Amino acid sequence: MPQITVDHSYGIEDFPDAFVRELHETTVEIAGAKPESCKTLFRCAILSVFGYEEPDDDEVQRHAIVHVTIGLLAGRSEETKAALTEAVLELLRKHVTPVPGARLHASAEVRELDASYRKFES
């Protein structure tokens, strides 16, 4: 914990190392997470579709999508979760650049991990 996932479409230039570092630092600062517990997984979608447009190469280049999900153990206030979400959006504005000519659609959310959440390290 926290479990951070960054889902994104093609059409986004590489995520800079500074984005991940600041994302972890922000999560530690706002949500009280431990630095060594921050884990981020990036997943690039094979296909993304915007609105009713047909998914072809031109459309992929015109719209870039990124969504950050942060899973935290229960116990954070709604205010803390909202502050973290807003901070993540600011980091996306600062660090994420779509390919030239593409419009960036960015979103973020903070979720509580289910009580069944378990982990192990080996």
Foldseek 3Di string as FASTA:
>chain_A
DWEKEKEKEAQKPDFDPVLLVVLLVLCCVLVVDDSVPDDYYYHYDPWDDDDPDDTDPVRSNAEMEIEMEIEAAPDDDPVSFVVSQVVNVVSCVVTIDGHPNHDYDYGYGYHYDDPPDDDDDD
